[in-house]
Amino acid sequence: MSKKPDRMTAMQQIIDAVKQEFPIYQEDTFVCGPDNSCMGCPKKLMELVDTDLTYWEHQLSRGVSPTFDEIYQFGKMCKNIRRALVRNNRIPA
């Protein structure tokens, strides 16, 4: 049976997955669509993810361990934003 990761490792795994899957640092990420066909503003959602991602990277580098609730909330937010990005054809399903 595998051992579960500690809280800092779990948060780092979420951060790594988000960085790998989301187009956070691509040029067209923070540009609004010209035809207003967006469902939920991908630009604002990516700014939200970028802000929280930066915050948690800084906290982990300082050795601050997140609570289980903070891990859950960050993971849930990323999951919901991923769903919105798929709906807006920003990332593949």
N, C-alpha and C. Protein backbone atom coordinates (compact mmCIF):
# COMPACT_ATOMS: atom_id res chain seq x y z
N MET A 1 0.85 -1.17 0.00
CA MET A 1 0.00 0.00 0.00
C MET A 1 0.90 1.24 0.00
N SER A 2 0.52 2.22 -0.83
CA SER A 2 1.34 3.43 -0.93
C SER A 2 0.99 4.41 0.18
N LYS A 3 2.00 5.15 0.58
CA LYS A 3 1.83 6.13 1.64
C LYS A 3 1.29 7.43 1.04
N LYS A 4 0.35 8.06 1.72
CA LYS A 4 -0.21 9.33 1.25
C LYS A 4 0.81 10.44 1.46
N PRO A 5 0.82 11.44 0.55
CA PRO A 5 1.78 12.54 0.70
C PRO A 5 1.39 13.46 1.86
N ASP A 6 2.39 14.15 2.39
CA ASP A 6 2.08 15.15 3.41
C ASP A 6 1.41 16.35 2.74
N ARG A 7 0.95 17.32 3.54
CA ARG A 7 0.18 18.44 2.99
C ARG A 7 0.98 19.30 2.03
N MET A 8 2.24 19.53 2.33
CA MET A 8 3.06 20.36 1.45
C MET A 8 3.29 19.65 0.11
N THR A 9 3.53 18.36 0.15
CA THR A 9 3.73 17.59 -1.08
C THR A 9 2.44 17.54 -1.90
N ALA A 10 1.31 17.39 -1.23
CA ALA A 10 0.03 17.35 -1.94
C ALA A 10 -0.24 18.68 -2.65
N MET A 11 0.02 19.78 -1.98
CA MET A 11 -0.18 21.10 -2.61
C MET A 11 0.79 21.28 -3.77
N GLN A 12 2.03 20.85 -3.60
CA GLN A 12 3.01 20.97 -4.68
C GLN A 12 2.61 20.13 -5.89
N GLN A 13 2.01 18.97 -5.66
CA GLN A 13 1.55 18.13 -6.76
C GLN A 13 0.41 18.82 -7.53
N ILE A 14 -0.48 19.49 -6.83
CA ILE A 14 -1.55 20.23 -7.50
C ILE A 14 -0.96 21.38 -8.31
N ILE A 15 -0.01 22.11 -7.74
CA ILE A 15 0.64 23.23 -8.43
C ILE A 15 1.33 22.73 -9.70
N ASP A 16 2.05 21.63 -9.61
CA ASP A 16 2.75 21.08 -10.77
C ASP A 16 1.77 20.66 -11.86
N ALA A 17 0.66 20.05 -11.47
CA ALA A 17 -0.36 19.62 -12.44
C ALA A 17 -0.99 20.83 -13.14
N VAL A 18 -1.26 21.88 -12.38
CA VAL A 18 -1.85 23.09 -12.96
C VAL A 18 -0.88 23.74 -13.94
N LYS A 19 0.39 23.85 -13.56
CA LYS A 19 1.38 24.45 -14.44
C LYS A 19 1.54 23.66 -15.74
N GLN A 20 1.42 22.35 -15.64
CA GLN A 20 1.59 21.50 -16.81
C GLN A 20 0.38 21.57 -17.73
N GLU A 21 -0.82 21.64 -17.17
CA GLU A 21 -2.03 21.53 -17.98
C GLU A 21 -2.61 22.87 -18.42
N PHE A 22 -2.54 23.89 -17.59
CA PHE A 22 -3.14 25.18 -17.92
C PHE A 22 -2.17 26.01 -18.76
N PRO A 23 -2.69 26.78 -19.73
CA PRO A 23 -1.83 27.65 -20.55
C PRO A 23 -1.56 28.97 -19.84
N ILE A 24 -1.00 28.92 -18.65
CA ILE A 24 -0.88 30.11 -17.80
C ILE A 24 0.02 31.17 -18.41
N TYR A 25 1.15 30.79 -18.96
CA TYR A 25 2.12 31.78 -19.40
C TYR A 25 2.24 31.88 -20.92
N GLN A 26 1.18 31.53 -21.63
CA GLN A 26 1.16 31.71 -23.09
C GLN A 26 0.62 33.10 -23.41
N GLU A 27 1.04 33.65 -24.53
CA GLU A 27 0.69 35.03 -24.88
C GLU A 27 -0.82 35.25 -25.01
N ASP A 28 -1.53 34.32 -25.64
CA ASP A 28 -2.95 34.53 -25.89
C ASP A 28 -3.84 34.20 -24.69
N THR A 29 -3.26 33.80 -23.59
CA THR A 29 -4.05 33.42 -22.42
C THR A 29 -4.80 34.59 -21.82
N PHE A 30 -4.16 35.73 -21.75
CA PHE A 30 -4.76 36.87 -21.08
C PHE A 30 -5.40 37.87 -22.05
N VAL A 31 -5.85 37.36 -23.20
CA VAL A 31 -6.50 38.19 -24.20
C VAL A 31 -7.96 37.77 -24.30
N CYS A 32 -8.85 38.76 -24.28
CA CYS A 32 -10.28 38.46 -24.42
C CYS A 32 -10.59 38.10 -25.87
N GLY A 33 -11.57 37.23 -26.05
CA GLY A 33 -11.99 36.85 -27.39
C GLY A 33 -12.75 37.97 -28.08
N PRO A 34 -12.54 38.14 -29.40
CA PRO A 34 -13.17 39.25 -30.12
C PRO A 34 -14.67 39.05 -30.37
N ASP A 35 -15.13 37.82 -30.34
CA ASP A 35 -16.53 37.57 -30.68
C ASP A 35 -17.45 37.43 -29.48
N ASN A 36 -16.93 37.64 -28.28
CA ASN A 36 -17.72 37.58 -27.04
C ASN A 36 -18.48 36.27 -26.89
N SER A 37 -17.88 35.18 -27.31
CA SER A 37 -18.53 33.88 -27.20
C SER A 37 -18.09 33.12 -25.95
N CYS A 38 -17.36 33.77 -25.06
CA CYS A 38 -16.85 33.11 -23.86
C CYS A 38 -17.98 32.83 -22.88
N MET A 39 -17.84 31.72 -22.18
CA MET A 39 -18.76 31.37 -21.10
C MET A 39 -17.93 31.41 -19.82
N GLY A 40 -18.03 32.49 -19.08
CA GLY A 40 -17.10 32.69 -17.97
C GLY A 40 -15.83 33.23 -18.59
N CYS A 41 -15.30 34.27 -18.07
CA CYS A 41 -14.16 34.94 -18.70
C CYS A 41 -12.86 34.15 -18.44
N PRO A 42 -12.32 33.48 -19.47
CA PRO A 42 -11.08 32.73 -19.27
C PRO A 42 -9.92 33.61 -18.81
N LYS A 43 -9.91 34.86 -19.26
CA LYS A 43 -8.84 35.79 -18.86
C LYS A 43 -8.86 36.00 -17.35
N LYS A 44 -10.03 36.28 -16.80
CA LYS A 44 -10.14 36.51 -15.36
C LYS A 44 -9.89 35.22 -14.58
N LEU A 45 -10.34 34.10 -15.11
CA LEU A 45 -10.11 32.82 -14.43
C LEU A 45 -8.62 32.49 -14.38
N MET A 46 -7.91 32.75 -15.47
CA MET A 46 -6.48 32.48 -15.49
C MET A 46 -5.72 33.43 -14.56
N GLU A 47 -6.19 34.67 -14.45
CA GLU A 47 -5.58 35.60 -13.51
C GLU A 47 -5.78 35.12 -12.08
N LEU A 48 -6.95 34.58 -11.79
CA LEU A 48 -7.24 34.04 -10.46
C LEU A 48 -6.32 32.85 -10.15
N VAL A 49 -6.18 31.95 -11.10
CA VAL A 49 -5.30 30.79 -10.91
C VAL A 49 -3.86 31.25 -10.72
N ASP A 50 -3.42 32.19 -11.55
CA ASP A 50 -2.05 32.68 -11.46
C ASP A 50 -1.77 33.31 -10.10
N THR A 51 -2.73 34.08 -9.60
CA THR A 51 -2.57 34.73 -8.29
C THR A 51 -2.45 33.69 -7.18
N ASP A 52 -3.37 32.73 -7.15
CA ASP A 52 -3.32 31.71 -6.10
C ASP A 52 -2.10 30.81 -6.24
N LEU A 53 -1.73 30.50 -7.48
CA LEU A 53 -0.55 29.67 -7.72
C LEU A 53 0.70 30.35 -7.18
N THR A 54 0.85 31.62 -7.48
CA THR A 54 2.00 32.38 -6.99
C THR A 54 2.01 32.45 -5.46
N TYR A 55 0.84 32.68 -4.88
CA TYR A 55 0.73 32.74 -3.43
C TYR A 55 1.19 31.42 -2.80
N TRP A 56 0.68 30.30 -3.30
CA TRP A 56 1.02 29.01 -2.68
C TRP A 56 2.46 28.59 -2.94
N GLU A 57 3.01 28.96 -4.09
CA GLU A 57 4.43 28.68 -4.32
C GLU A 57 5.28 29.44 -3.31
N HIS A 58 4.92 30.68 -3.05
CA HIS A 58 5.65 31.48 -2.07
C HIS A 58 5.50 30.90 -0.66
N GLN A 59 4.29 30.52 -0.30
CA GLN A 59 4.06 29.96 1.03
C GLN A 59 4.85 28.65 1.22
N LEU A 60 4.84 27.80 0.20
CA LEU A 60 5.58 26.54 0.31
C LEU A 60 7.08 26.79 0.40
N SER A 61 7.57 27.78 -0.33
CA SER A 61 9.00 28.08 -0.28
C SER A 61 9.41 28.61 1.10
N ARG A 62 8.48 29.25 1.80
CA ARG A 62 8.74 29.74 3.16
C ARG A 62 8.57 28.64 4.20
N GLY A 63 8.06 27.47 3.79
CA GLY A 63 7.87 26.36 4.72
C GLY A 63 6.52 26.38 5.41
N VAL A 64 5.59 27.19 4.92
CA VAL A 64 4.25 27.26 5.51
C VAL A 64 3.41 26.12 4.94
N SER A 65 2.92 25.27 5.81
CA SER A 65 2.15 24.12 5.39
C SER A 65 0.67 24.48 5.27
N PRO A 66 0.03 24.14 4.13
CA PRO A 66 -1.40 24.45 3.98
C PRO A 66 -2.24 23.51 4.82
N THR A 67 -3.43 23.96 5.18
CA THR A 67 -4.37 23.09 5.89
C THR A 67 -5.07 22.20 4.87
N PHE A 68 -5.74 21.18 5.36
CA PHE A 68 -6.49 20.30 4.46
C PHE A 68 -7.57 21.08 3.72
N ASP A 69 -8.20 22.02 4.40
CA ASP A 69 -9.24 22.83 3.79
C ASP A 69 -8.68 23.71 2.67
N GLU A 70 -7.50 24.28 2.88
CA GLU A 70 -6.88 25.11 1.84
C GLU A 70 -6.50 24.27 0.62
N ILE A 71 -6.01 23.06 0.85
CA ILE A 71 -5.70 22.17 -0.27
C ILE A 71 -6.97 21.83 -1.04
N TYR A 72 -8.03 21.53 -0.31
CA TYR A 72 -9.31 21.19 -0.94
C TYR A 72 -9.84 22.37 -1.75
N GLN A 73 -9.82 23.56 -1.17
CA GLN A 73 -10.35 24.74 -1.86
C GLN A 73 -9.55 25.07 -3.11
N PHE A 74 -8.22 24.99 -3.03
CA PHE A 74 -7.39 25.27 -4.19
C PHE A 74 -7.62 24.23 -5.28
N GLY A 75 -7.68 22.97 -4.90
CA GLY A 75 -7.93 21.90 -5.86
C GLY A 75 -9.29 22.04 -6.53
N LYS A 76 -10.31 22.38 -5.75
CA LYS A 76 -11.65 22.55 -6.29
C LYS A 76 -11.70 23.73 -7.26
N MET A 77 -11.05 24.83 -6.89
CA MET A 77 -11.02 26.00 -7.76
C MET A 77 -10.36 25.64 -9.09
N CYS A 78 -9.23 24.94 -9.04
CA CYS A 78 -8.53 24.56 -10.26
C CYS A 78 -9.37 23.61 -11.12
N LYS A 79 -10.07 22.72 -10.48
CA LYS A 79 -10.95 21.79 -11.21
C LYS A 79 -12.06 22.55 -11.92
N ASN A 80 -12.68 23.50 -11.25
CA ASN A 80 -13.76 24.28 -11.85
C ASN A 80 -13.25 25.17 -12.98
N ILE A 81 -12.07 25.75 -12.81
CA ILE A 81 -11.50 26.59 -13.85
C ILE A 81 -11.10 25.74 -15.05
N ARG A 82 -10.61 24.55 -14.80
CA ARG A 82 -10.29 23.64 -15.91
C ARG A 82 -11.54 23.35 -16.73
N ARG A 83 -12.63 23.11 -16.06
CA ARG A 83 -13.90 22.84 -16.74
C ARG A 83 -14.30 24.04 -17.62
N ALA A 84 -14.13 25.25 -17.11
CA ALA A 84 -14.46 26.45 -17.88
C ALA A 84 -13.52 26.61 -19.07
N LEU A 85 -12.25 26.29 -18.91
CA LEU A 85 -11.30 26.40 -20.02
C LEU A 85 -11.61 25.38 -21.11
N VAL A 86 -12.05 24.20 -20.73
CA VAL A 86 -12.46 23.19 -21.72
C VAL A 86 -13.70 23.67 -22.45
N ARG A 87 -14.65 24.24 -21.72
CA ARG A 87 -15.89 24.75 -22.31
C ARG A 87 -15.62 25.86 -23.32
N ASN A 88 -14.58 26.65 -23.08
CA ASN A 88 -14.21 27.75 -23.96
C ASN A 88 -13.15 27.37 -25.00
N ASN A 89 -12.86 26.08 -25.11
CA ASN A 89 -11.89 25.55 -26.08
C ASN A 89 -10.49 26.14 -25.91
N ARG A 90 -10.09 26.42 -24.68
CA ARG A 90 -8.74 26.90 -24.39
C ARG A 90 -7.77 25.74 -24.16
N ILE A 91 -8.30 24.63 -23.62
CA ILE A 91 -7.50 23.42 -23.42
C ILE A 91 -8.34 22.23 -23.89
N PRO A 92 -7.70 21.14 -24.32
CA PRO A 92 -8.46 19.96 -24.76
C PRO A 92 -9.10 19.23 -23.58
N ALA A 93 -10.19 18.56 -23.86
CA ALA A 93 -10.90 17.80 -22.82
C ALA A 93 -10.17 16.58 -22.46
